[in-house]
């Protein structure tokens, strides 16, 4: 009977030690995952802040008044007029274009599915 008590006690001590070790491992893994989650949340916050900064810069750079000032200073662009836009009947057919420029004969034809 004393041998049984000792065997049972040893068995319970082993079980308690195994459960304690398993709980330590779980706690360690949860702590590691919590730190990883904190890192991810910091990265998300930094990305959101960077996105806000980039949106603010884009708003500043694409301001119509600023673009107009830059156009007047450097490019001197004007709106497109109707005279600059041609009509579809002014586009030469392929045969006419090849007759005017023989190098176009070796150019590949667009496939029917191409836009």
N, C-alpha and C. Protein backbone atom coordinates (compact mmCIF):
# COMPACT_ATOMS: atom_id res chain seq x y z
N UNK A 1 0.81 -1.18 0.00
CA UNK A 1 0.00 0.00 0.00
C UNK A 1 0.87 1.26 0.00
N UNK A 2 1.92 1.24 0.75
CA UNK A 2 2.82 2.38 0.79
C UNK A 2 3.47 2.57 -0.58
N UNK A 3 3.77 1.50 -1.29
CA UNK A 3 4.32 1.58 -2.63
C UNK A 3 3.34 2.23 -3.60
N UNK A 4 2.03 1.96 -3.41
CA UNK A 4 1.00 2.56 -4.23
C UNK A 4 0.90 4.06 -3.99
N UNK A 5 0.99 4.46 -2.76
CA UNK A 5 0.90 5.88 -2.45
C UNK A 5 2.10 6.61 -3.06
N UNK A 6 3.23 6.01 -2.92
CA UNK A 6 4.42 6.64 -3.48
C UNK A 6 4.35 6.69 -5.01
N UNK A 7 3.90 5.64 -5.65
CA UNK A 7 3.77 5.63 -7.10
C UNK A 7 2.74 6.66 -7.55
N UNK A 8 1.62 6.75 -6.84
CA UNK A 8 0.60 7.75 -7.16
C UNK A 8 1.12 9.17 -6.96
N UNK A 9 1.86 9.37 -5.89
CA UNK A 9 2.42 10.69 -5.62
C UNK A 9 3.41 11.08 -6.72
N UNK A 10 4.26 10.16 -7.10
CA UNK A 10 5.23 10.42 -8.16
C UNK A 10 4.51 10.72 -9.46
N UNK A 11 3.47 9.93 -9.76
CA UNK A 11 2.69 10.14 -10.97
C UNK A 11 2.05 11.53 -10.98
N UNK A 12 1.46 11.95 -9.86
CA UNK A 12 0.84 13.27 -9.78
C UNK A 12 1.89 14.38 -9.90
N UNK A 13 3.04 14.17 -9.31
CA UNK A 13 4.10 15.18 -9.42
C UNK A 13 4.54 15.33 -10.87
N UNK A 14 4.65 14.22 -11.59
CA UNK A 14 5.03 14.26 -13.00
C UNK A 14 3.95 14.98 -13.82
N UNK A 15 2.68 14.66 -13.53
CA UNK A 15 1.57 15.30 -14.25
C UNK A 15 1.57 16.80 -13.97
N UNK A 16 1.73 17.18 -12.71
CA UNK A 16 1.73 18.60 -12.34
C UNK A 16 2.92 19.31 -13.00
N UNK A 17 4.07 18.67 -13.05
CA UNK A 17 5.24 19.27 -13.67
C UNK A 17 5.00 19.44 -15.18
N UNK A 18 4.40 18.44 -15.83
CA UNK A 18 4.11 18.52 -17.26
C UNK A 18 3.12 19.64 -17.55
N UNK A 19 2.07 19.75 -16.74
CA UNK A 19 1.08 20.81 -16.93
C UNK A 19 1.72 22.17 -16.68
N UNK A 20 2.56 22.29 -15.66
CA UNK A 20 3.25 23.55 -15.39
C UNK A 20 4.14 23.95 -16.56
N UNK A 21 4.88 22.98 -17.12
CA UNK A 21 5.74 23.26 -18.26
C UNK A 21 4.90 23.69 -19.47
N UNK A 22 3.79 22.99 -19.71
CA UNK A 22 2.92 23.33 -20.84
C UNK A 22 2.34 24.74 -20.66
N UNK A 23 1.94 25.09 -19.45
CA UNK A 23 1.41 26.43 -19.20
C UNK A 23 2.49 27.48 -19.41
N UNK A 24 3.72 27.18 -19.00
CA UNK A 24 4.83 28.11 -19.23
C UNK A 24 5.04 28.33 -20.73
N UNK A 25 5.01 27.25 -21.50
CA UNK A 25 5.18 27.34 -22.95
C UNK A 25 4.06 28.16 -23.59
N UNK A 26 2.82 27.92 -23.15
CA UNK A 26 1.68 28.66 -23.70
C UNK A 26 1.81 30.15 -23.35
N UNK A 27 2.18 30.44 -22.10
CA UNK A 27 2.34 31.83 -21.69
C UNK A 27 3.44 32.51 -22.49
N UNK A 28 4.55 31.82 -22.70
CA UNK A 28 5.66 32.36 -23.48
C UNK A 28 5.21 32.63 -24.92
N UNK A 29 4.47 31.70 -25.53
CA UNK A 29 3.99 31.87 -26.91
C UNK A 29 3.00 33.03 -27.00
N UNK A 30 2.10 33.15 -26.03
CA UNK A 30 1.14 34.26 -26.02
C UNK A 30 1.87 35.58 -25.90
N UNK A 31 2.87 35.66 -25.06
CA UNK A 31 3.65 36.89 -24.90
C UNK A 31 4.35 37.25 -26.21
N UNK A 32 4.93 36.24 -26.87
CA UNK A 32 5.61 36.48 -28.15
C UNK A 32 4.61 36.97 -29.20
N UNK A 33 3.44 36.33 -29.28
CA UNK A 33 2.43 36.74 -30.25
C UNK A 33 1.88 38.13 -29.93
N UNK A 34 1.77 38.46 -28.65
CA UNK A 34 1.29 39.79 -28.26
C UNK A 34 2.29 40.86 -28.69
N UNK A 35 3.58 40.58 -28.53
CA UNK A 35 4.60 41.52 -28.99
C UNK A 35 4.56 41.67 -30.51
N UNK A 36 4.36 40.54 -31.20
CA UNK A 36 4.27 40.59 -32.66
C UNK A 36 3.05 41.41 -33.10
N UNK A 37 1.94 41.23 -32.42
CA UNK A 37 0.74 42.00 -32.72
C UNK A 37 0.97 43.49 -32.47
N UNK A 38 1.68 43.82 -31.40
CA UNK A 38 2.02 45.23 -31.13
C UNK A 38 2.88 45.81 -32.24
N UNK A 39 3.86 45.02 -32.73
CA UNK A 39 4.70 45.48 -33.85
C UNK A 39 3.86 45.73 -35.09
N UNK A 40 2.95 44.82 -35.37
CA UNK A 40 2.08 44.97 -36.55
C UNK A 40 1.20 46.21 -36.41
N UNK A 41 0.64 46.42 -35.23
CA UNK A 41 -0.21 47.60 -35.01
C UNK A 41 0.58 48.89 -35.16
N UNK A 42 1.84 48.89 -34.71
CA UNK A 42 2.69 50.08 -34.90
C UNK A 42 2.97 50.31 -36.38
N UNK A 43 3.22 49.23 -37.11
CA UNK A 43 3.45 49.36 -38.56
C UNK A 43 2.21 49.89 -39.26
N UNK A 44 1.04 49.41 -38.86
CA UNK A 44 -0.21 49.90 -39.45
C UNK A 44 -0.39 51.38 -39.17
N UNK A 45 -0.15 51.78 -37.95
CA UNK A 45 -0.29 53.20 -37.58
C UNK A 45 0.69 54.06 -38.38
N UNK A 46 1.93 53.57 -38.54
CA UNK A 46 2.92 54.32 -39.31
C UNK A 46 2.50 54.41 -40.78
N UNK A 47 1.96 53.33 -41.32
CA UNK A 47 1.50 53.34 -42.72
C UNK A 47 0.33 54.31 -42.90
N UNK A 48 -0.58 54.32 -41.95
CA UNK A 48 -1.71 55.25 -42.04
C UNK A 48 -1.24 56.70 -41.98
N UNK A 49 -0.28 56.97 -41.10
CA UNK A 49 0.25 58.33 -41.00
C UNK A 49 0.96 58.72 -42.29
N UNK A 50 1.73 57.79 -42.86
CA UNK A 50 2.41 58.07 -44.12
C UNK A 50 1.39 58.32 -45.23
N UNK A 51 0.31 57.57 -45.23
CA UNK A 51 -0.75 57.77 -46.23
C UNK A 51 -1.39 59.14 -46.07
N UNK A 52 -1.64 59.56 -44.84
CA UNK A 52 -2.19 60.90 -44.60
C UNK A 52 -1.24 61.98 -45.10
N UNK A 53 0.05 61.82 -44.84
CA UNK A 53 1.04 62.80 -45.29
C UNK A 53 1.07 62.84 -46.82
N UNK A 54 1.07 61.67 -47.45
CA UNK A 54 1.11 61.63 -48.92
C UNK A 54 -0.15 62.24 -49.52
N UNK A 55 -1.31 62.00 -48.91
CA UNK A 55 -2.55 62.61 -49.39
C UNK A 55 -2.50 64.13 -49.27
N UNK A 56 -1.93 64.62 -48.17
CA UNK A 56 -1.80 66.07 -48.00
C UNK A 56 -0.86 66.64 -49.04
N UNK A 57 0.26 65.96 -49.30
CA UNK A 57 1.19 66.43 -50.32
C UNK A 57 0.54 66.41 -51.70
N UNK A 58 -0.22 65.35 -51.98
CA UNK A 58 -0.89 65.24 -53.28
C UNK A 58 -1.89 66.39 -53.45
N UNK A 59 -2.62 66.71 -52.39
CA UNK A 59 -3.57 67.81 -52.47
C UNK A 59 -2.87 69.12 -52.75
N UNK A 60 -1.74 69.31 -52.11
CA UNK A 60 -0.97 70.54 -52.34
C UNK A 60 -0.42 70.58 -53.76
N UNK A 61 0.16 69.49 -54.21
CA UNK A 61 0.78 69.47 -55.53
C UNK A 61 -0.22 69.53 -56.67
N UNK A 62 -1.43 69.03 -56.46
CA UNK A 62 -2.42 69.02 -57.54
C UNK A 62 -3.42 70.16 -57.43
N UNK A 63 -3.12 71.17 -56.63
CA UNK A 63 -3.99 72.33 -56.50
C UNK A 63 -4.10 73.04 -57.86
N UNK A 64 -5.30 73.25 -58.38
CA UNK A 64 -5.45 73.85 -59.71
C UNK A 64 -4.79 75.21 -59.84
N UNK A 65 -4.85 76.04 -58.81
CA UNK A 65 -4.22 77.36 -58.89
C UNK A 65 -2.70 77.23 -58.99
N UNK A 66 -2.12 76.31 -58.24
CA UNK A 66 -0.68 76.08 -58.31
C UNK A 66 -0.29 75.58 -59.69
N UNK A 67 -1.06 74.61 -60.22
CA UNK A 67 -0.76 74.08 -61.54
C UNK A 67 -0.89 75.16 -62.62
N UNK A 68 -1.87 76.05 -62.47
CA UNK A 68 -2.03 77.14 -63.44
C UNK A 68 -0.82 78.08 -63.39
N UNK A 69 -0.36 78.40 -62.17
CA UNK A 69 0.83 79.26 -62.04
C UNK A 69 2.05 78.60 -62.68
N UNK A 70 2.23 77.31 -62.45
CA UNK A 70 3.37 76.60 -63.05
C UNK A 70 3.24 76.57 -64.57
N UNK A 71 2.03 76.36 -65.06
CA UNK A 71 1.80 76.36 -66.51
C UNK A 71 2.18 77.72 -67.10
N UNK A 72 1.72 78.79 -66.47
CA UNK A 72 2.02 80.12 -66.99
C UNK A 72 3.51 80.43 -66.91
N UNK A 73 4.19 79.91 -65.92
CA UNK A 73 5.62 80.19 -65.76
C UNK A 73 6.50 79.36 -66.69
N UNK A 74 6.14 78.10 -66.91
CA UNK A 74 7.06 77.21 -67.61
C UNK A 74 6.53 76.63 -68.92
N UNK A 75 5.27 76.26 -68.99
CA UNK A 75 4.79 75.50 -70.14
C UNK A 75 4.02 76.33 -71.16
N UNK A 76 3.29 77.31 -70.70
CA UNK A 76 2.48 78.17 -71.57
C UNK A 76 1.48 77.35 -72.40
N UNK A 77 0.84 76.38 -71.78
CA UNK A 77 -0.16 75.56 -72.46
C UNK A 77 -1.48 76.32 -72.56
N UNK A 78 -2.23 76.02 -73.61
CA UNK A 78 -3.56 76.62 -73.77
C UNK A 78 -4.56 75.49 -73.95
N UNK A 79 -5.84 75.77 -73.73
CA UNK A 79 -6.85 74.72 -73.92
C UNK A 79 -6.89 74.27 -75.38
N UNK A 80 -7.29 73.04 -75.60
CA UNK A 80 -7.40 72.47 -76.93
C UNK A 80 -8.61 73.10 -77.63
N UNK A 81 -8.39 73.48 -78.88
CA UNK A 81 -9.48 74.06 -79.67
C UNK A 81 -10.04 73.01 -80.63
N UNK A 82 -11.20 73.31 -81.17
CA UNK A 82 -11.83 72.40 -82.11
C UNK A 82 -11.02 72.23 -83.38
N UNK A 83 -10.27 73.25 -83.77
CA UNK A 83 -9.46 73.18 -84.98
C UNK A 83 -8.30 72.18 -84.82
N UNK A 84 -7.87 71.92 -83.58
CA UNK A 84 -6.77 70.99 -83.35
C UNK A 84 -7.21 69.54 -83.41
N UNK A 85 -8.49 69.30 -83.31
CA UNK A 85 -9.02 67.94 -83.32
C UNK A 85 -9.48 67.62 -84.73
N UNK A 86 -8.97 66.54 -85.29
CA UNK A 86 -9.33 66.16 -86.65
C UNK A 86 -10.63 65.37 -86.69
N UNK A 87 -11.06 65.09 -87.92
CA UNK A 87 -12.26 64.27 -88.11
C UNK A 87 -11.84 62.86 -88.48
N UNK A 88 -12.72 61.91 -88.29
CA UNK A 88 -12.39 60.51 -88.56
C UNK A 88 -12.17 60.27 -90.05
N UNK A 89 -12.83 61.03 -90.91
CA UNK A 89 -12.64 60.83 -92.35
C UNK A 89 -11.27 61.35 -92.82
N UNK A 90 -10.55 62.05 -91.96
CA UNK A 90 -9.21 62.53 -92.31
C UNK A 90 -8.13 61.46 -92.07
N UNK A 91 -8.50 60.36 -91.39
CA UNK A 91 -7.54 59.29 -91.13
C UNK A 91 -7.43 58.45 -92.40
N UNK A 92 -6.22 58.29 -92.95
CA UNK A 92 -6.09 57.53 -94.21
C UNK A 92 -6.32 56.04 -93.98
N UNK A 93 -6.89 55.37 -94.98
CA UNK A 93 -7.03 53.92 -94.93
C UNK A 93 -5.65 53.30 -95.02
N UNK A 94 -5.53 52.03 -94.64
CA UNK A 94 -4.22 51.38 -94.62
C UNK A 94 -3.58 51.38 -96.01
N UNK A 95 -4.34 51.12 -97.04
CA UNK A 95 -3.78 51.08 -98.39
C UNK A 95 -3.21 52.45 -98.77
N UNK A 96 -3.92 53.50 -98.42
CA UNK A 96 -3.43 54.85 -98.72
C UNK A 96 -2.18 55.16 -97.91
N UNK A 97 -2.18 54.73 -96.65
CA UNK A 97 -1.03 55.00 -95.79
C UNK A 97 0.20 54.26 -96.29
N UNK A 98 0.02 52.99 -96.77
CA UNK A 98 1.14 52.21 -97.28
C UNK A 98 1.65 52.84 -98.58
N UNK A 99 0.74 53.34 -99.39
CA UNK A 99 1.17 53.98 -100.63
C UNK A 99 2.01 55.21 -100.34
N UNK A 100 1.66 55.94 -99.30
CA UNK A 100 2.41 57.15 -98.93
C UNK A 100 3.71 56.81 -98.21
N UNK A 101 3.72 55.69 -97.46
CA UNK A 101 4.89 55.31 -96.67
C UNK A 101 5.07 53.79 -96.77
N UNK A 102 5.90 53.27 -97.66
CA UNK A 102 6.05 51.83 -97.88
C UNK A 102 6.56 51.07 -96.65
N UNK A 103 7.19 51.73 -95.71
CA UNK A 103 7.66 51.04 -94.51
C UNK A 103 6.51 50.50 -93.68
N UNK A 104 5.32 51.06 -93.82
CA UNK A 104 4.17 50.59 -93.06
C UNK A 104 3.71 49.21 -93.51
N UNK A 105 4.11 48.77 -94.70
CA UNK A 105 3.68 47.46 -95.20
C UNK A 105 4.21 46.34 -94.32
N UNK A 106 5.38 46.51 -93.71
CA UNK A 106 5.94 45.46 -92.86
C UNK A 106 5.46 45.56 -91.42
N UNK A 107 4.68 46.59 -91.10
CA UNK A 107 4.17 46.74 -89.73
C UNK A 107 3.10 45.70 -89.48
N UNK A 108 3.06 45.11 -88.28
CA UNK A 108 2.04 44.09 -88.00
C UNK A 108 0.64 44.69 -87.95
N UNK A 109 -0.32 43.93 -88.41
CA UNK A 109 -1.72 44.36 -88.35
C UNK A 109 -2.23 44.10 -86.94
N UNK A 110 -3.04 44.99 -86.41
CA UNK A 110 -3.62 44.73 -85.09
C UNK A 110 -4.62 43.59 -85.19
N UNK A 111 -4.68 42.76 -84.13
CA UNK A 111 -5.63 41.65 -84.14
C UNK A 111 -7.04 42.20 -83.94
N UNK A 112 -8.03 41.41 -84.35
CA UNK A 112 -9.41 41.87 -84.26
C UNK A 112 -9.84 42.08 -82.82
N UNK A 113 -9.27 41.33 -81.88
CA UNK A 113 -9.64 41.46 -80.48
C UNK A 113 -8.98 42.62 -79.79
N UNK A 114 -7.99 43.24 -80.45
CA UNK A 114 -7.26 44.34 -79.82
C UNK A 114 -8.12 45.60 -79.84
N UNK A 115 -8.02 46.41 -78.81
CA UNK A 115 -8.82 47.65 -78.76
C UNK A 115 -8.31 48.69 -79.70
